[in-house]
Amino acid sequence: MTTSGPAAIAARRVFLGTTFVPATVRFADGIITAIDAFDPDADTVLPDDAVLLPGLVDTHVHLDEPGRTEWEGFATGTAAAAAGGVTTLLDMPLNSSPVTTTPDALAAKRAAAQGKLAVDIGYWGGAVPENLGALRDLAGAGVVGFKCFLSPSGIDEFGHLDADQLDRALAELATFDGLLIVHAEDPAHLHADGPLGVHYRDFLASRPPESERDAIRLVIETARRTGARVHIVHVSDGSALDDVRAAKADGVRITIETCPHYLTLDAADVPDGAAAFKCCPPIRDRANQDLLWTGVVDGTIDAIVSDHSPSTSELKSEPDFGLSWGGISGVQTGLSAVHTAARARGIRLEQVLPLMTTGPARLAGLGGRGTIAPGQPAHLAIFRPDEETVVDAATLEYRNKMSPWHGQTLTGIVESTYVHGVPVYRRGQPIAARVGHELIAGAEGTHA
């Protein structure tokens, strides 16, 4: 069942391109039809303390279904996305079971998603040792690109690639211009699995920045040699950005992303045994965070995405940082967290919005997603940038109610989210509609 929405929304501040302007956004049949001057008599007129944003694009979300739906799932994960102003997301090929490394596994995932989508969704495939040489078949089934790990993924059925296998994967993808997105940590620098204790500093030392830096250098050189497209996911090491800058200047086809937790959380503030903060690569110190923000401002970083990677409460309740699950739930709070940290640094909302809209869309080949423009889906978010809220994990839409931002005061809150012109989310109310589409690469009618 769908819910009818307005045919026009007017606001004194509508984010168009790179700036806020007074405008009226008109739409019909789920598509934006016109951008007109501000109309005080439009169906919906936003108050002066609200802004109209394009729906965010989050290209790094683990929904875990089928197989580990108790960790998250399409229903709860896409509801959380809508509550965070995200209207298009891409699902990672793990931690579902089966992992998305074959066309049959993709078909199983698509079947599990039916009727549950509050927002639009596309799928990454996986590149693992077992499917090298068959990546074109998986691309033909509709994935937007391929995820690999250079260190153990934490999921036995999703193996990591060594240097030779990375070369093979990129050489194969170069034959059809496929995209490889890489979890870049060099296992030679990682401590062995096992107990580490409750002190975050010990976990941080177990995954030093050298691991990330060396892995990124390997990806850069392999991409340079093969001519393939590469993207580094969840960059946490700010000192690695100089290598990326140089590679981009040399014409290497590389993009990178970072995440809200790396831009807003400080290793010095992580309490003992607080596994809600554990992720791989880890949250680092404030000086490192400053380097990441420099990369945001100067354009080295192409996207800010959540790496929403939930698990059951039981897996995150283990206080030993070596034994608890490594993943942060953040798809619902990403915009507010980033906006809060940016504002504290004197960085305007319009400077970070492209990294949460058009940046992710561009790297994943999603066309005009993340823009308010005629012909694009009427994916919109009403945001109150000056309103403060205290994060209460119990009120979040996640299946497992955990957040490292629990108890923090954030500035900026999503009031409403529209997907294909339908009001799917309103603050304080249940999800009103499940109108999300699948985005199948190469398929007709996907509205990508």
Protein backbone atom coordinates (compact mmCIF):
# COMPACT_ATOMS: atom_id res chain seq x y z
CA MET A 1 0.00 0.00 0.00
CA THR A 2 1.38 3.44 -0.89
CA THR A 3 0.60 6.79 0.62
CA SER A 4 -0.16 9.84 -1.48
CA GLY A 5 2.10 12.82 -1.05
CA PRO A 6 2.10 16.43 -2.17
CA ALA A 7 2.68 17.36 -5.80
CA ALA A 8 4.92 20.28 -4.86
CA ILE A 9 7.19 21.26 -1.98
CA ALA A 10 8.40 24.85 -1.60
CA ALA A 11 11.20 25.99 0.66
CA ARG A 12 13.32 29.08 1.18
CA ARG A 13 16.34 26.77 1.10
CA VAL A 14 16.41 23.97 -1.47
CA PHE A 15 19.75 22.33 -2.22
CA LEU A 16 20.23 22.62 -5.98
CA GLY A 17 23.60 21.66 -7.38
CA THR A 18 26.03 23.20 -4.92
CA THR A 19 24.02 25.76 -3.00
CA PHE A 20 20.71 26.53 -1.28
CA VAL A 21 18.18 28.65 -3.16
CA PRO A 22 14.47 29.47 -2.75
CA ALA A 23 12.55 27.09 -4.98
CA THR A 24 9.49 24.91 -5.51
CA VAL A 25 10.00 21.28 -6.46
CA ARG A 26 7.13 19.79 -8.46
CA PHE A 27 6.68 16.10 -9.11
CA ALA A 28 4.21 13.61 -10.54
CA ASP A 29 4.18 9.82 -10.77
CA GLY A 30 7.28 9.70 -8.60
CA ILE A 31 9.40 11.88 -10.90
CA ILE A 32 10.48 15.49 -10.49
CA THR A 33 8.84 17.47 -13.27
CA ALA A 34 9.98 21.04 -12.62
CA ILE A 35 12.00 23.33 -10.40
CA ASP A 36 10.22 26.67 -10.15
CA ALA A 37 10.55 29.86 -8.16
CA PHE A 38 9.45 29.77 -4.53
CA ASP A 39 5.66 29.45 -4.40
CA PRO A 40 4.11 30.39 -1.04
CA ASP A 41 0.91 28.65 -2.13
CA ALA A 42 2.49 25.27 -2.94
CA ASP A 43 0.95 22.09 -1.53
CA THR A 44 3.64 21.96 1.14
CA VAL A 45 5.63 25.00 2.24
CA LEU A 46 8.49 24.33 4.63
CA PRO A 47 9.03 26.56 7.64
CA ASP A 48 12.09 28.78 7.55
CA ASP A 49 14.04 26.51 9.90
CA ALA A 50 13.81 23.55 7.50
CA VAL A 51 15.71 22.84 4.28
CA LEU A 52 14.86 20.56 1.39
CA LEU A 53 17.60 18.13 0.42
CA PRO A 54 17.96 15.53 -2.30
CA GLY A 55 17.66 12.06 -0.83
CA LEU A 56 21.07 10.86 0.29
CA VAL A 57 22.91 8.03 -1.45
CA ASP A 58 24.69 5.49 0.77
CA THR A 59 26.75 3.00 -1.20
CA HIS A 60 28.04 1.03 1.80
CA VAL A 61 25.33 -0.75 3.79
CA HIS A 62 25.24 -4.30 5.16
CA LEU A 63 21.63 -5.49 5.36
CA ASP A 64 22.62 -9.11 6.13
CA GLU A 65 19.58 -10.76 4.52
CA PRO A 66 19.06 -13.61 3.76
CA GLY A 67 20.81 -15.80 6.27
CA ARG A 68 21.62 -13.33 9.04
CA THR A 69 18.37 -11.38 9.22
CA GLU A 70 18.65 -11.38 13.00
CA TRP A 71 21.54 -8.95 12.47
CA GLU A 72 19.50 -6.45 10.40
CA GLY A 73 17.37 -7.24 7.31
CA PHE A 74 15.81 -5.36 4.40
CA ALA A 75 12.77 -4.17 6.37
CA THR A 76 14.60 -2.64 9.34
CA GLY A 77 17.68 -1.53 7.42
CA THR A 78 15.80 0.38 4.75
CA ALA A 79 13.53 1.91 7.42
CA ALA A 80 16.63 3.20 9.21
CA ALA A 81 17.97 4.55 5.94
CA ALA A 82 14.74 6.47 5.31
CA ALA A 83 14.85 7.88 8.84
CA GLY A 84 18.36 9.13 8.07
CA GLY A 85 17.34 10.83 4.83
CA VAL A 86 18.88 8.08 2.68
CA THR A 87 16.70 7.20 -0.31
CA THR A 88 19.12 5.06 -2.31
CA LEU A 89 21.50 2.51 -0.85
CA LEU A 90 23.73 -0.28 -2.08
CA ASP A 91 23.82 -3.53 -0.16
CA MET A 92 27.16 -5.22 0.49
CA PRO A 93 27.72 -8.85 -0.58
CA LEU A 94 28.36 -9.93 3.02
CA ASN A 95 27.31 -10.60 5.79
CA SER A 96 24.34 -12.32 4.22
CA SER A 97 24.28 -16.07 3.70
CA PRO A 98 24.78 -16.94 0.94
CA VAL A 99 27.29 -14.21 0.19
CA THR A 100 26.61 -12.47 -3.13
CA THR A 101 29.35 -14.06 -5.22
CA THR A 102 27.22 -15.91 -7.82
CA PRO A 103 24.16 -15.06 -9.90
CA ASP A 104 22.15 -17.61 -7.88
CA ALA A 105 23.11 -15.90 -4.62
CA LEU A 106 22.07 -12.54 -6.06
CA ALA A 107 18.74 -14.06 -7.04
CA ALA A 108 18.25 -15.31 -3.48
CA LYS A 109 18.98 -11.85 -2.11
CA ARG A 110 16.57 -10.21 -4.54
CA ALA A 111 13.84 -12.68 -3.60
CA ALA A 112 14.37 -11.93 0.10
CA ALA A 113 14.00 -8.20 -0.53
CA GLN A 114 10.58 -8.32 -2.15
CA GLY A 115 7.96 -6.16 -0.42
CA LYS A 116 10.34 -4.94 2.27
CA LEU A 117 12.05 -1.91 0.72
CA ALA A 118 11.36 1.52 2.18
CA VAL A 119 14.03 3.01 -0.13
CA ASP A 120 15.67 2.11 -3.43
CA ILE A 121 18.39 -0.51 -3.32
CA GLY A 122 21.10 -1.91 -5.56
CA TYR A 123 23.61 -4.67 -4.93
CA TRP A 124 27.36 -5.10 -4.85
CA GLY A 125 28.75 -8.46 -5.81
CA GLY A 126 31.76 -10.07 -4.19
CA ALA A 127 35.16 -10.87 -5.66
CA VAL A 128 36.60 -13.86 -3.82
CA PRO A 129 39.22 -16.46 -4.77
CA GLU A 130 36.53 -18.92 -5.89
CA ASN A 131 34.80 -16.71 -8.46
CA LEU A 132 37.74 -15.06 -10.20
CA GLY A 133 37.26 -15.59 -13.92
CA ALA A 134 33.46 -15.49 -13.55
CA LEU A 135 32.98 -11.86 -12.52
CA ARG A 136 31.47 -10.91 -15.88
CA ASP A 137 28.62 -13.37 -15.27
CA LEU A 138 27.82 -11.76 -11.93
CA ALA A 139 27.97 -8.32 -13.54
CA GLY A 140 25.51 -9.55 -16.15
CA ALA A 141 23.14 -10.59 -13.36
CA GLY A 142 22.92 -6.96 -12.24
CA VAL A 143 25.46 -6.05 -9.54
CA VAL A 144 26.89 -2.54 -9.78
CA GLY A 145 30.45 -3.66 -8.99
CA PHE A 146 32.52 -5.97 -6.83
CA LYS A 147 33.74 -5.88 -3.23
CA CYS A 148 36.93 -7.60 -2.12
CA PHE A 149 38.97 -7.81 1.06
CA LEU A 150 42.75 -7.85 1.26
CA SER A 151 42.59 -9.21 4.81
CA PRO A 152 40.22 -11.72 6.44
CA SER A 153 36.64 -10.47 6.26
CA GLY A 154 35.39 -12.07 9.47
CA ILE A 155 33.04 -14.28 7.44
CA ASP A 156 34.55 -17.65 6.52
CA GLU A 157 32.61 -17.94 3.26
CA PHE A 158 33.92 -14.60 1.97
CA GLY A 159 37.66 -15.12 1.50
CA HIS A 160 40.18 -12.37 0.92
CA LEU A 161 42.43 -11.81 -2.10
CA ASP A 162 46.21 -11.88 -2.01
CA ALA A 163 48.31 -9.66 -4.27
CA ASP A 164 48.28 -12.08 -7.21
CA GLN A 165 44.51 -12.58 -6.93
CA LEU A 166 43.98 -8.82 -6.76
CA ASP A 167 45.93 -8.53 -10.00
CA ARG A 168 43.80 -11.24 -11.59
CA ALA A 169 40.57 -9.60 -10.46
CA LEU A 170 41.53 -6.17 -11.77
CA ALA A 171 42.79 -7.55 -15.07
CA GLU A 172 39.46 -9.34 -15.50
CA LEU A 173 37.40 -6.28 -14.56
CA ALA A 174 39.40 -4.08 -16.92
CA THR A 175 38.08 -6.14 -19.85
CA PHE A 176 34.55 -4.82 -19.23
CA ASP A 177 35.33 -1.69 -17.17
CA GLY A 178 33.99 -3.19 -13.97
CA LEU A 179 34.58 -1.50 -10.62
CA LEU A 180 36.40 -3.14 -7.70
CA ILE A 181 35.81 -1.69 -4.23
CA VAL A 182 38.44 -2.73 -1.74
CA HIS A 183 38.67 -3.24 2.00
CA ALA A 184 42.30 -2.21 2.19
CA GLU A 185 44.19 -3.57 5.19
CA ASP A 186 47.43 -5.52 4.77
CA PRO A 187 47.25 -8.65 6.96
CA ALA A 188 51.03 -8.59 7.42
CA HIS A 189 50.56 -5.71 9.88
CA LEU A 190 47.52 -7.11 11.72
CA HIS A 191 47.79 -8.92 15.02
CA ALA A 192 46.50 -12.48 15.24
CA ASP A 193 42.85 -13.01 16.17
CA GLY A 194 42.11 -13.56 19.82
CA PRO A 195 41.52 -11.76 23.11
CA LEU A 196 42.83 -8.21 23.43
CA GLY A 197 41.15 -7.04 26.61
CA VAL A 198 38.76 -4.18 27.32
CA HIS A 199 41.07 -1.24 26.55
CA TYR A 200 40.45 0.37 23.18
CA ARG A 201 44.10 1.38 22.84
CA ASP A 202 45.06 -2.29 22.56
CA PHE A 203 42.59 -2.87 19.76
CA LEU A 204 43.80 0.28 18.01
CA ALA A 205 47.40 -0.95 18.20
CA SER A 206 46.34 -4.28 16.69
CA ARG A 207 45.32 -2.57 13.43
CA PRO A 208 47.96 0.11 12.84
CA PRO A 209 47.73 2.71 10.08
CA GLU A 210 50.63 1.02 8.25
CA SER A 211 48.28 -1.83 7.39
CA GLU A 212 45.86 0.48 5.64
CA ARG A 213 48.57 2.55 3.97
CA ASP A 214 50.43 -0.43 2.50
CA ALA A 215 47.23 -2.01 1.22
CA ILE A 216 46.14 1.22 -0.47
CA ARG A 217 49.56 1.47 -2.14
CA LEU A 218 49.15 -2.08 -3.45
CA VAL A 219 45.73 -1.24 -4.90
CA ILE A 220 47.08 1.93 -6.52
CA GLU A 221 49.97 0.15 -8.20
CA THR A 222 47.81 -2.75 -9.38
CA ALA A 223 45.21 -0.36 -10.77
CA ARG A 224 47.95 1.63 -12.48
CA ARG A 225 49.29 -1.53 -14.13
CA THR A 226 45.92 -2.95 -15.22
CA GLY A 227 44.07 0.28 -16.02
CA ALA A 228 41.09 -0.91 -13.97
CA ARG A 229 38.75 1.23 -11.86
CA VAL A 230 39.18 0.93 -8.08
CA HIS A 231 37.55 2.42 -5.02
CA ILE A 232 38.85 2.20 -1.45
CA VAL A 233 36.12 1.77 1.13
CA HIS A 234 36.04 3.22 4.66
CA VAL A 235 39.40 4.99 4.65
CA SER A 236 40.34 5.70 8.27
CA ASP A 237 44.03 6.57 7.90
CA GLY A 238 44.38 10.24 7.03
CA SER A 239 48.07 9.84 6.24
CA ALA A 240 47.16 7.60 3.28
CA LEU A 241 45.52 10.52 1.49
CA ASP A 242 48.80 11.81 0.07
CA ASP A 243 49.23 8.56 -1.87
CA VAL A 244 45.69 8.89 -3.17
CA ARG A 245 46.24 12.50 -4.21
CA ALA A 246 49.36 11.52 -6.12
CA ALA A 247 47.63 8.57 -7.78
CA LYS A 248 44.73 10.73 -8.92
CA ALA A 249 47.16 13.30 -10.32
CA ASP A 250 48.89 10.49 -12.25
CA GLY A 251 45.62 9.37 -13.81
CA VAL A 252 45.04 6.24 -11.76
CA ARG A 253 41.29 5.54 -11.79
CA ILE A 254 40.78 5.61 -8.04
CA THR A 255 38.12 7.01 -5.73
CA ILE A 256 37.88 6.76 -1.95
CA GLU A 257 35.30 7.08 0.79
CA THR A 258 35.32 7.67 4.51
CA CYS A 259 32.59 7.29 7.11
CA PRO A 260 30.80 9.36 9.75
CA HIS A 261 32.45 7.48 12.60
CA TYR A 262 35.95 8.36 11.39
CA LEU A 263 34.99 12.02 10.98
CA THR A 264 33.19 12.43 14.30
CA LEU A 265 34.48 9.97 16.90
CA ASP A 266 37.84 10.11 18.69
CA ALA A 267 39.80 7.08 19.90
CA ALA A 268 40.57 8.93 23.13
CA ASP A 269 36.87 8.99 24.00
CA VAL A 270 36.10 5.29 23.53
CA PRO A 271 35.18 3.79 26.92
CA ASP A 272 36.60 0.49 28.10
CA GLY A 273 34.67 -2.48 26.76
CA ALA A 274 32.48 -0.32 24.49
CA ALA A 275 32.24 -2.64 21.51
CA ALA A 276 29.66 -0.37 19.85
CA PHE A 277 32.75 1.62 18.75
CA LYS A 278 34.64 -1.34 17.27
CA CYS A 279 35.09 -1.38 13.52
CA CYS A 280 37.80 -2.37 11.05
CA PRO A 281 39.79 -0.33 10.22
CA PRO A 282 39.48 1.36 13.59
CA ILE A 283 38.47 4.82 14.75
CA ARG A 284 41.74 6.70 15.20
CA ASP A 285 42.85 9.85 17.03
CA ARG A 286 41.91 13.50 16.61
CA ALA A 287 45.05 14.42 14.64
CA ASN A 288 44.23 11.71 12.12
CA GLN A 289 40.64 12.96 11.96
CA ASP A 290 41.93 16.42 11.07
CA LEU A 291 43.70 14.91 8.04
CA LEU A 292 40.47 13.24 6.94
CA TRP A 293 38.57 16.51 7.16
CA THR A 294 41.26 18.15 5.03
CA GLY A 295 40.55 15.43 2.46
CA VAL A 296 36.84 16.20 2.64
CA VAL A 297 37.37 19.89 2.02
CA ASP A 298 39.99 19.59 -0.73
CA GLY A 299 38.11 16.93 -2.70
CA THR A 300 40.48 14.00 -2.17
CA ILE A 301 37.66 12.09 -0.48
CA ASP A 302 34.88 11.35 -2.98
CA ALA A 303 32.13 10.10 -0.66
CA ILE A 304 30.99 9.90 2.93
CA VAL A 305 28.97 6.71 3.50
CA SER A 306 27.91 4.83 6.59
CA ASP A 307 29.47 1.36 6.38
CA HIS A 308 26.39 0.38 8.36
CA SER A 309 27.51 -3.02 9.65
CA PRO A 310 25.24 -4.23 12.44
CA SER A 311 25.16 -7.50 14.31
CA THR A 312 23.17 -8.99 17.14
CA SER A 313 23.39 -7.39 20.55
CA GLU A 314 25.01 -10.55 21.85
CA LEU A 315 27.93 -10.26 19.41
CA LYS A 316 28.47 -6.63 20.43
CA SER A 317 28.03 -7.15 24.18
CA GLU A 318 31.39 -8.93 24.55
CA PRO A 319 33.60 -6.32 26.28
CA ASP A 320 36.87 -7.77 24.96
CA PHE A 321 37.72 -5.79 21.81
CA GLY A 322 39.43 -8.81 20.31
CA LEU A 323 36.35 -10.99 20.60
CA SER A 324 33.40 -8.68 19.88
CA TRP A 325 32.01 -8.19 16.37
CA GLY A 326 33.59 -5.32 14.43
CA GLY A 327 30.96 -3.13 12.86
CA ILE A 328 29.15 0.16 13.50
CA SER A 329 25.47 0.91 12.98
CA GLY A 330 25.26 4.36 11.43
CA VAL A 331 22.95 4.66 8.44
CA GLN A 332 20.28 6.56 10.40
CA THR A 333 22.56 9.02 12.19
CA GLY A 334 25.19 9.71 9.50
CA LEU A 335 23.89 13.04 8.23
CA SER A 336 23.35 14.49 11.69
CA ALA A 337 26.74 13.32 12.96
CA VAL A 338 28.65 14.67 9.97
CA HIS A 339 26.75 17.96 9.98
CA THR A 340 27.45 18.43 13.70
CA ALA A 341 31.19 17.83 13.29
CA ALA A 342 31.40 19.94 10.14
CA ARG A 343 29.65 22.87 11.77
CA ALA A 344 32.07 22.75 14.70
CA ARG A 345 34.89 23.13 12.16
CA GLY A 346 33.22 25.99 10.29
CA ILE A 347 32.39 23.77 7.31
CA ARG A 348 29.02 24.50 5.74
CA LEU A 349 26.35 21.89 5.13
CA GLU A 350 26.52 22.53 1.38
CA GLN A 351 30.20 21.55 1.42
CA VAL A 352 29.54 18.05 2.75
CA LEU A 353 26.23 17.30 1.04
CA PRO A 354 27.78 16.39 -2.34
CA LEU A 355 29.86 13.71 -0.61
CA MET A 356 26.66 12.14 0.72
CA THR A 357 24.64 12.47 -2.49
CA THR A 358 26.23 12.89 -5.91
CA GLY A 359 29.65 11.61 -4.83
CA PRO A 360 28.48 8.10 -3.91
CA ALA A 361 26.09 8.06 -6.87
CA ARG A 362 28.86 8.93 -9.29
CA LEU A 363 31.31 6.30 -8.08
CA ALA A 364 28.65 3.57 -8.35
CA GLY A 365 27.35 4.68 -11.74
CA LEU A 366 23.93 5.70 -10.44
CA GLY A 367 23.40 8.56 -12.87
CA GLY A 368 21.67 11.62 -11.45
CA ARG A 369 20.84 10.12 -8.07
CA GLY A 370 21.40 12.54 -5.23
CA THR A 371 20.19 15.58 -7.17
CA ILE A 372 16.96 17.54 -7.26
CA ALA A 373 16.43 17.90 -10.99
CA PRO A 374 13.69 17.33 -13.57
CA GLY A 375 13.59 13.72 -14.70
CA GLN A 376 15.09 12.36 -11.49
CA PRO A 377 13.11 10.32 -8.94
CA ALA A 378 11.33 12.49 -6.39
CA HIS A 379 13.68 11.43 -3.60
CA LEU A 380 13.68 14.22 -1.03
CA ALA A 381 14.51 14.79 2.61
CA ILE A 382 13.29 17.58 4.86
CA PHE A 383 16.07 18.46 7.29
CA ARG A 384 16.15 20.84 10.25
CA PRO A 385 19.84 21.81 10.38
CA ASP A 386 19.70 23.83 13.60
CA GLU A 387 17.64 21.53 15.79
CA GLU A 388 19.51 19.60 18.46
CA THR A 389 18.66 16.06 19.48
CA VAL A 390 20.13 13.59 21.93
CA VAL A 391 20.67 10.21 20.28
CA ASP A 392 18.70 7.45 22.00
CA ALA A 393 19.67 4.11 20.50
CA ALA A 394 16.40 2.55 21.68
CA THR A 395 14.43 4.80 19.30
CA LEU A 396 16.47 4.01 16.17
CA GLU A 397 14.97 1.87 13.42
CA TYR A 398 17.70 -0.78 13.56
CA ARG A 399 16.82 -4.34 14.42
CA ASN A 400 19.52 -4.26 17.10
CA LYS A 401 19.38 -0.95 18.93
CA MET A 402 23.03 0.07 19.20
CA SER A 403 24.92 3.25 18.34
CA PRO A 404 28.30 4.72 19.30
CA TRP A 405 26.55 8.11 19.23
CA HIS A 406 24.09 7.04 21.96
CA GLY A 407 23.74 9.87 24.47
CA GLN A 408 25.47 12.42 22.26
CA THR A 409 23.83 15.70 21.31
CA LEU A 410 23.77 16.09 17.52
CA THR A 411 22.69 19.13 15.56
CA GLY A 412 20.36 18.54 12.63
CA ILE A 413 17.49 16.09 12.33
CA VAL A 414 15.63 14.52 9.42
CA GLU A 415 11.98 15.52 9.63
CA SER A 416 10.56 13.63 6.63
CA THR A 417 11.74 11.54 3.71
CA TYR A 418 10.04 11.09 0.34
CA VAL A 419 10.76 8.14 -1.95
CA HIS A 420 9.33 8.37 -5.47
CA GLY A 421 7.22 11.28 -4.22
CA VAL A 422 5.69 9.24 -1.42
CA PRO A 423 6.17 10.31 2.23
CA VAL A 424 7.82 7.18 3.57
CA TYR A 425 9.14 8.55 6.85
CA ARG A 426 7.95 11.24 9.25
CA ARG A 427 9.76 11.80 12.49
CA GLY A 428 8.17 10.01 15.41
CA GLN A 429 5.92 7.87 13.22
CA PRO A 430 6.21 4.33 11.84
CA ILE A 431 7.41 3.86 8.29
CA ALA A 432 4.39 4.74 6.14
CA ALA A 433 5.13 2.92 2.89
CA ARG A 434 7.41 0.36 1.25
CA VAL A 435 7.83 1.84 -2.23
CA GLY A 436 11.53 1.24 -2.82
CA HIS A 437 12.70 -0.03 -6.21
CA GLU A 438 15.55 -2.37 -7.02
CA LEU A 439 18.37 -0.92 -9.12
CA ILE A 440 19.66 -3.71 -11.29
CA ALA A 441 22.67 -2.64 -13.32
CA GLY A 442 22.01 -2.77 -17.04
CA ALA A 443 18.31 -3.54 -16.65
CA GLU A 444 15.70 -1.38 -18.31
CA GLY A 445 13.38 0.65 -16.14
CA THR A 446 15.56 0.71 -13.05
CA HIS A 447 15.49 4.52 -12.86
CA ALA A 448 19.20 4.46 -12.07
